[in-house]
């Protein structure tokens, strides 16, 4: 996927948003629906659809754009 900055019209660089969890690092994800919390305060995700985040950054102005295109298996 190639995208251009909406402000500068320059080609944006692809990257990713890491998600640090305990001793591992994974891709950041978008989860469908509003956040729900357990009685302990943890996020409840269950079997809701999740999509890996793709991030694009403009090298000129620093604008960042996120896309949630690739659905992850539950």
PDB file of N, CA and C in Angstrom:
ATOM      1  N   UNK A   1       0.850  -1.179   0.000  1.00  0.00           N
ATOM      2  CA  UNK A   1       0.000   0.000   0.000  1.00  0.00           C
ATOM      3  C   UNK A   1       0.893   1.238   0.000  1.00  0.00           C
ATOM      4  N   UNK A   2       0.635   2.129  -0.905  1.00  0.00           N
ATOM      5  CA  UNK A   2       1.383   3.385  -0.938  1.00  0.00           C
ATOM      6  C   UNK A   2       0.412   4.520  -0.640  1.00  0.00           C
ATOM      7  N   UNK A   3       0.824   5.417   0.224  1.00  0.00           N
ATOM      8  CA  UNK A   3      -0.055   6.523   0.589  1.00  0.00           C
ATOM      9  C   UNK A   3       0.727   7.830   0.605  1.00  0.00           C
ATOM     10  N   UNK A   4       0.039   8.908   0.312  1.00  0.00           N
ATOM     11  CA  UNK A   4       0.653  10.238   0.320  1.00  0.00           C
ATOM     12  C   UNK A   4       0.064  11.058   1.450  1.00  0.00           C
ATOM     13  N   UNK A   5       0.873  11.917   2.002  1.00  0.00           N
ATOM     14  CA  UNK A   5       0.454  12.775   3.105  1.00  0.00           C
ATOM     15  C   UNK A   5      -0.660  13.711   2.627  1.00  0.00           C
ATOM     16  N   UNK A   6      -1.770  13.795   3.361  1.00  0.00           N
ATOM     17  CA  UNK A   6      -2.849  14.692   2.952  1.00  0.00           C
ATOM     18  C   UNK A   6      -2.476  16.168   3.073  1.00  0.00           C
ATOM     19  N   UNK A   7      -1.464  16.481   3.879  1.00  0.00           N
ATOM     20  CA  UNK A   7      -1.050  17.881   4.056  1.00  0.00           C
ATOM     21  C   UNK A   7       0.039  18.291   3.068  1.00  0.00           C
ATOM     22  N   UNK A   8       1.007  17.391   2.815  1.00  0.00           N
ATOM     23  CA  UNK A   8       2.182  17.743   2.005  1.00  0.00           C
ATOM     24  C   UNK A   8       2.202  17.094   0.623  1.00  0.00           C
ATOM     25  N   UNK A   9       1.400  16.069   0.417  1.00  0.00           N
ATOM     26  CA  UNK A   9       1.377  15.291  -0.829  1.00  0.00           C
ATOM     27  C   UNK A   9       2.706  14.588  -1.093  1.00  0.00           C
ATOM     28  N   UNK A  10       3.460  14.282  -0.027  1.00  0.00           N
ATOM     29  CA  UNK A  10       4.728  13.559  -0.120  1.00  0.00           C
ATOM     30  C   UNK A  10       4.457  12.092   0.192  1.00  0.00           C
ATOM     31  N   UNK A  11       5.213  11.197  -0.421  1.00  0.00           N
ATOM     32  CA  UNK A  11       5.068   9.755  -0.141  1.00  0.00           C
ATOM     33  C   UNK A  11       5.408   9.495   1.321  1.00  0.00           C
ATOM     34  N   UNK A  12       4.501   8.792   2.005  1.00  0.00           N
ATOM     35  CA  UNK A  12       4.701   8.494   3.420  1.00  0.00           C
ATOM     36  C   UNK A  12       5.484   7.199   3.580  1.00  0.00           C
ATOM     37  N   UNK A  13       6.197   7.072   4.706  1.00  0.00           N
ATOM     38  CA  UNK A  13       6.991   5.887   5.008  1.00  0.00           C
ATOM     39  C   UNK A  13       6.192   4.942   5.885  1.00  0.00           C
ATOM     40  N   UNK A  14       6.229   3.643   5.529  1.00  0.00           N
ATOM     41  CA  UNK A  14       5.498   2.648   6.309  1.00  0.00           C
ATOM     42  C   UNK A  14       6.253   2.286   7.579  1.00  0.00           C
ATOM     43  N   UNK A  15       5.507   2.031   8.638  1.00  0.00           N
ATOM     44  CA  UNK A  15       6.076   1.593   9.916  1.00  0.00           C
ATOM     45  C   UNK A  15       5.031   0.787  10.667  1.00  0.00           C
ATOM     46  N   UNK A  16       5.189   0.661  11.983  1.00  0.00           N
ATOM     47  CA  UNK A  16       4.216  -0.074  12.774  1.00  0.00           C
ATOM     48  C   UNK A  16       4.190   0.476  14.193  1.00  0.00           C
ATOM     49  N   UNK A  17       3.129   0.119  14.913  1.00  0.00           N
ATOM     50  CA  UNK A  17       2.959   0.531  16.301  1.00  0.00           C
ATOM     51  C   UNK A  17       3.140  -0.715  17.161  1.00  0.00           C
ATOM     52  N   UNK A  18       4.236  -0.799  17.937  1.00  0.00           N
ATOM     53  CA  UNK A  18       4.442  -1.986  18.756  1.00  0.00           C
ATOM     54  C   UNK A  18       3.545  -1.965  19.995  1.00  0.00           C
ATOM     55  N   UNK A  19       3.191  -3.146  20.462  1.00  0.00           N
ATOM     56  CA  UNK A  19       2.401  -3.310  21.673  1.00  0.00           C
ATOM     57  C   UNK A  19       3.231  -4.153  22.622  1.00  0.00           C
ATOM     58  N   UNK A  20       3.686  -3.542  23.714  1.00  0.00           N
ATOM     59  CA  UNK A  20       4.525  -4.254  24.689  1.00  0.00           C
ATOM     60  C   UNK A  20       3.617  -4.890  25.733  1.00  0.00           C
ATOM     61  N   UNK A  21       3.728  -6.203  25.882  1.00  0.00           N
ATOM     62  CA  UNK A  21       2.901  -6.940  26.831  1.00  0.00           C
ATOM     63  C   UNK A  21       3.781  -7.938  27.565  1.00  0.00           C
ATOM     64  N   UNK A  22       3.908  -7.760  28.870  1.00  0.00           N
ATOM     65  CA  UNK A  22       4.779  -8.586  29.698  1.00  0.00           C
ATOM     66  C   UNK A  22       6.184  -8.573  29.098  1.00  0.00           C
ATOM     67  N   UNK A  23       6.716  -9.725  28.693  1.00  0.00           N
ATOM     68  CA  UNK A  23       8.076  -9.783  28.143  1.00  0.00           C
ATOM     69  C   UNK A  23       8.096  -9.941  26.632  1.00  0.00           C
ATOM     70  N   UNK A  24       6.985  -9.628  25.961  1.00  0.00           N
ATOM     71  CA  UNK A  24       6.934  -9.778  24.507  1.00  0.00           C
ATOM     72  C   UNK A  24       6.517  -8.468  23.858  1.00  0.00           C
ATOM     73  N   UNK A  25       6.836  -8.350  22.593  1.00  0.00           N
ATOM     74  CA  UNK A  25       6.420  -7.204  21.799  1.00  0.00           C
ATOM     75  C   UNK A  25       5.655  -7.729  20.598  1.00  0.00           C
ATOM     76  N   UNK A  26       4.435  -7.197  20.396  1.00  0.00           N
ATOM     77  CA  UNK A  26       3.591  -7.623  19.287  1.00  0.00           C
ATOM     78  C   UNK A  26       3.196  -6.405  18.474  1.00  0.00           C
ATOM     79  N   UNK A  27       2.510  -6.660  17.369  1.00  0.00           N
ATOM     80  CA  UNK A  27       1.954  -5.558  16.587  1.00  0.00           C
ATOM     81  C   UNK A  27       0.778  -4.947  17.335  1.00  0.00           C
ATOM     82  N   UNK A  28       0.630  -3.631  17.216  1.00  0.00           N
ATOM     83  CA  UNK A  28      -0.546  -2.984  17.754  1.00  0.00           C
ATOM     84  C   UNK A  28      -1.764  -3.405  16.948  1.00  0.00           C
ATOM     85  N   UNK A  29      -2.922  -3.467  17.595  1.00  0.00           N
ATOM     86  CA  UNK A  29      -4.144  -3.901  16.921  1.00  0.00           C
ATOM     87  C   UNK A  29      -5.278  -2.918  17.169  1.00  0.00           C
ATOM     88  N   UNK A  30      -6.241  -2.952  16.261  1.00  0.00           N
ATOM     89  CA  UNK A  30      -7.506  -2.246  16.415  1.00  0.00           C
ATOM     90  C   UNK A  30      -8.528  -3.310  16.744  1.00  0.00           C
ATOM     91  N   UNK A  31      -9.339  -3.081  17.808  1.00  0.00           N
ATOM     92  CA  UNK A  31     -10.356  -4.043  18.225  1.00  0.00           C
ATOM     93  C   UNK A  31     -11.722  -3.416  18.012  1.00  0.00           C
ATOM     94  N   UNK A  32     -12.628  -4.173  17.393  1.00  0.00           N
ATOM     95  CA  UNK A  32     -13.960  -3.655  17.087  1.00  0.00           C
ATOM     96  C   UNK A  32     -14.773  -3.430  18.361  1.00  0.00           C
ATOM     97  N   UNK A  33     -15.474  -2.308  18.420  1.00  0.00           N
ATOM     98  CA  UNK A  33     -16.372  -2.004  19.533  1.00  0.00           C
ATOM     99  C   UNK A  33     -15.714  -1.160  20.609  1.00  0.00           C
ATOM    100  N   UNK A  34     -16.537  -0.633  21.531  1.00  0.00           N
ATOM    101  CA  UNK A  34     -15.996   0.189  22.611  1.00  0.00           C
ATOM    102  C   UNK A  34     -15.251  -0.676  23.628  1.00  0.00           C
ATOM    103  N   UNK A  35     -14.322  -0.092  24.385  1.00  0.00           N
ATOM    104  CA  UNK A  35     -13.589  -0.878  25.376  1.00  0.00           C
ATOM    105  C   UNK A  35     -14.504  -1.332  26.512  1.00  0.00           C
ATOM    106  N   UNK A  36     -14.293  -2.567  26.953  1.00  0.00           N
ATOM    107  CA  UNK A  36     -14.991  -3.120  28.111  1.00  0.00           C
ATOM    108  C   UNK A  36     -13.930  -3.613  29.085  1.00  0.00           C
ATOM    109  N   UNK A  37     -14.212  -3.437  30.373  1.00  0.00           N
ATOM    110  CA  UNK A  37     -13.226  -3.799  31.392  1.00  0.00           C
ATOM    111  C   UNK A  37     -13.772  -4.868  32.334  1.00  0.00           C
ATOM    112  N   UNK A  38     -12.874  -5.751  32.788  1.00  0.00           N
ATOM    113  CA  UNK A  38     -13.241  -6.746  33.790  1.00  0.00           C
ATOM    114  C   UNK A  38     -13.275  -6.058  35.146  1.00  0.00           C
ATOM    115  N   UNK A  39     -13.731  -6.764  36.159  1.00  0.00           N
ATOM    116  CA  UNK A  39     -13.797  -6.168  37.497  1.00  0.00           C
ATOM    117  C   UNK A  39     -12.402  -5.874  38.047  1.00  0.00           C
ATOM    118  N   UNK A  40     -11.353  -6.487  37.462  1.00  0.00           N
ATOM    119  CA  UNK A  40      -9.974  -6.196  37.869  1.00  0.00           C
ATOM    120  C   UNK A  40      -9.382  -5.008  37.116  1.00  0.00           C
ATOM    121  N   UNK A  41     -10.133  -4.469  36.145  1.00  0.00           N
ATOM    122  CA  UNK A  41      -9.655  -3.326  35.377  1.00  0.00           C
ATOM    123  C   UNK A  41      -8.939  -3.683  34.093  1.00  0.00           C
ATOM    124  N   UNK A  42      -8.874  -4.978  33.756  1.00  0.00           N
ATOM    125  CA  UNK A  42      -8.236  -5.402  32.506  1.00  0.00           C
ATOM    126  C   UNK A  42      -9.216  -5.256  31.342  1.00  0.00           C
ATOM    127  N   UNK A  43      -8.676  -5.000  30.161  1.00  0.00           N
ATOM    128  CA  UNK A  43      -9.522  -4.939  28.972  1.00  0.00           C
ATOM    129  C   UNK A  43     -10.041  -6.315  28.607  1.00  0.00           C
ATOM    130  N   UNK A  44     -11.321  -6.384  28.287  1.00  0.00           N
ATOM    131  CA  UNK A  44     -11.937  -7.625  27.823  1.00  0.00           C
ATOM    132  C   UNK A  44     -12.044  -7.557  26.306  1.00  0.00           C
ATOM    133  N   UNK A  45     -11.356  -8.478  25.635  1.00  0.00           N
ATOM    134  CA  UNK A  45     -11.373  -8.493  24.171  1.00  0.00           C
ATOM    135  C   UNK A  45     -12.222  -9.641  23.657  1.00  0.00           C
ATOM    136  N   UNK A  46     -12.098 -10.797  24.271  1.00  0.00           N
ATOM    137  CA  UNK A  46     -12.888 -11.954  23.868  1.00  0.00           C
ATOM    138  C   UNK A  46     -12.653 -12.315  22.412  1.00  0.00           C
ATOM    139  N   UNK A  47     -13.747 -12.573  21.687  1.00  0.00           N
ATOM    140  CA  UNK A  47     -13.642 -12.988  20.290  1.00  0.00           C
ATOM    141  C   UNK A  47     -14.022 -11.877  19.320  1.00  0.00           C
ATOM    142  N   UNK A  48     -13.887 -10.630  19.749  1.00  0.00           N
ATOM    143  CA  UNK A  48     -14.189  -9.518  18.841  1.00  0.00           C
ATOM    144  C   UNK A  48     -13.147  -9.458  17.729  1.00  0.00           C
ATOM    145  N   UNK A  49     -13.533  -9.019  16.543  1.00  0.00           N
ATOM    146  CA  UNK A  49     -12.573  -8.905  15.439  1.00  0.00           C
ATOM    147  C   UNK A  49     -11.407  -7.968  15.796  1.00  0.00           C
ATOM    148  N   UNK A  50     -10.196  -8.383  15.384  1.00  0.00           N
ATOM    149  CA  UNK A  50      -8.989  -7.596  15.613  1.00  0.00           C
ATOM    150  C   UNK A  50      -8.240  -7.457  14.287  1.00  0.00           C
ATOM    151  N   UNK A  51      -7.668  -6.289  14.085  1.00  0.00           N
ATOM    152  CA  UNK A  51      -6.928  -5.992  12.859  1.00  0.00           C
ATOM    153  C   UNK A  51      -5.563  -5.410  13.223  1.00  0.00           C
ATOM    154  N   UNK A  52      -4.521  -5.902  12.560  1.00  0.00           N
ATOM    155  CA  UNK A  52      -3.183  -5.355  12.760  1.00  0.00           C
ATOM    156  C   UNK A  52      -3.141  -3.921  12.239  1.00  0.00           C
ATOM    157  N   UNK A  53      -2.470  -3.046  12.971  1.00  0.00           N
ATOM    158  CA  UNK A  53      -2.351  -1.654  12.545  1.00  0.00           C
ATOM    159  C   UNK A  53      -1.179  -1.470  11.596  1.00  0.00           C
ATOM    160  N   UNK A  54      -1.428  -0.783  10.502  1.00  0.00           N
ATOM    161  CA  UNK A  54      -0.365  -0.331   9.598  1.00  0.00           C
ATOM    162  C   UNK A  54      -0.235   1.170   9.829  1.00  0.00           C
ATOM    163  N   UNK A  55       0.980   1.632   9.986  1.00  0.00           N
ATOM    164  CA  UNK A  55       1.213   3.050  10.250  1.00  0.00           C
ATOM    165  C   UNK A  55       2.043   3.654   9.126  1.00  0.00           C
ATOM    166  N   UNK A  56       1.700   4.870   8.753  1.00  0.00           N
ATOM    167  CA  UNK A  56       2.447   5.615   7.732  1.00  0.00           C
ATOM    168  C   UNK A  56       2.758   6.995   8.288  1.00  0.00           C
ATOM    169  N   UNK A  57       4.022   7.436   8.113  1.00  0.00           N
ATOM    170  CA  UNK A  57       4.475   8.716   8.641  1.00  0.00           C
ATOM    171  C   UNK A  57       5.044   9.577   7.520  1.00  0.00           C
ATOM    172  N   UNK A  58       4.656  10.847   7.517  1.00  0.00           N
ATOM    173  CA  UNK A  58       5.180  11.784   6.535  1.00  0.00           C
ATOM    174  C   UNK A  58       6.572  12.229   6.970  1.00  0.00           C
ATOM    175  N   UNK A  59       7.584  12.068   6.101  1.00  0.00           N
ATOM    176  CA  UNK A  59       8.940  12.473   6.463  1.00  0.00           C
ATOM    177  C   UNK A  59       9.108  13.992   6.509  1.00  0.00           C
ATOM    178  N   UNK A  60       8.154  14.711   5.941  1.00  0.00           N
ATOM    179  CA  UNK A  60       8.266  16.168   5.884  1.00  0.00           C
ATOM    180  C   UNK A  60       7.615  16.850   7.093  1.00  0.00           C
ATOM    181  N   UNK A  61       6.362  16.492   7.399  1.00  0.00           N
ATOM    182  CA  UNK A  61       5.653  17.188   8.489  1.00  0.00           C
ATOM    183  C   UNK A  61       5.420  16.311   9.721  1.00  0.00           C
ATOM    184  N   UNK A  62       5.655  14.986   9.619  1.00  0.00           N
ATOM    185  CA  UNK A  62       5.499  14.098  10.765  1.00  0.00           C
ATOM    186  C   UNK A  62       4.092  13.563  10.974  1.00  0.00           C
ATOM    187  N   UNK A  63       3.158  13.893  10.090  1.00  0.00           N
ATOM    188  CA  UNK A  63       1.794  13.390  10.196  1.00  0.00           C
ATOM    189  C   UNK A  63       1.808  11.865  10.162  1.00  0.00           C
ATOM    190  N   UNK A  64       1.050  11.226  11.062  1.00  0.00           N
ATOM    191  CA  UNK A  64       0.961   9.772  11.107  1.00  0.00           C
ATOM    192  C   UNK A  64      -0.476   9.351  10.815  1.00  0.00           C
ATOM    193  N   UNK A  65      -0.602   8.341   9.958  1.00  0.00           N
ATOM    194  CA  UNK A  65      -1.908   7.818   9.579  1.00  0.00           C
ATOM    195  C   UNK A  65      -1.915   6.318   9.850  1.00  0.00           C
ATOM    196  N   UNK A  66      -2.973   5.828  10.498  1.00  0.00           N
ATOM    197  CA  UNK A  66      -3.091   4.409  10.821  1.00  0.00           C
ATOM    198  C   UNK A  66      -4.175   3.761   9.973  1.00  0.00           C
ATOM    199  N   UNK A  67      -3.916   2.520   9.544  1.00  0.00           N
ATOM    200  CA  UNK A  67      -4.883   1.724   8.806  1.00  0.00           C
ATOM    201  C   UNK A  67      -5.027   0.377   9.497  1.00  0.00           C
ATOM    202  N   UNK A  68      -6.252  -0.120   9.603  1.00  0.00           N
ATOM    203  CA  UNK A  68      -6.526  -1.439  10.171  1.00  0.00           C
ATOM    204  C   UNK A  68      -7.104  -2.295   9.059  1.00  0.00           C
ATOM    205  N   UNK A  69      -6.235  -2.956   8.291  1.00  0.00           N
ATOM    206  CA  UNK A  69      -6.638  -3.675   7.086  1.00  0.00           C
ATOM    207  C   UNK A  69      -6.581  -5.187   7.263  1.00  0.00           C
ATOM    208  N   UNK A  70      -5.531  -5.678   7.894  1.00  0.00           N
ATOM    209  CA  UNK A  70      -5.275  -7.119   7.979  1.00  0.00           C
ATOM    210  C   UNK A  70      -5.920  -7.733   9.221  1.00  0.00           C
ATOM    211  N   UNK A  71      -7.005  -8.502   9.005  1.00  0.00           N
ATOM    212  CA  UNK A  71      -7.678  -9.137  10.138  1.00  0.00           C
ATOM    213  C   UNK A  71      -6.816 -10.264  10.692  1.00  0.00           C
ATOM    214  N   UNK A  72      -6.729 -10.316  12.007  1.00  0.00           N
ATOM    215  CA  UNK A  72      -5.962 -11.351  12.674  1.00  0.00           C
ATOM    216  C   UNK A  72      -6.880 -12.504  13.073  1.00  0.00           C
ATOM    217  N   UNK A  73      -6.355 -13.725  13.086  1.00  0.00           N
ATOM    218  CA  UNK A  73      -7.176 -14.859  13.521  1.00  0.00           C
ATOM    219  C   UNK A  73      -7.462 -14.745  15.011  1.00  0.00           C
ATOM    220  N   UNK A  74      -8.655 -15.168  15.428  1.00  0.00           N
ATOM    221  CA  UNK A  74      -9.007 -15.133  16.867  1.00  0.00           C
ATOM    222  C   UNK A  74      -8.472 -16.338  17.572  1.00  0.00           C
TER     223      UNK A  74
END
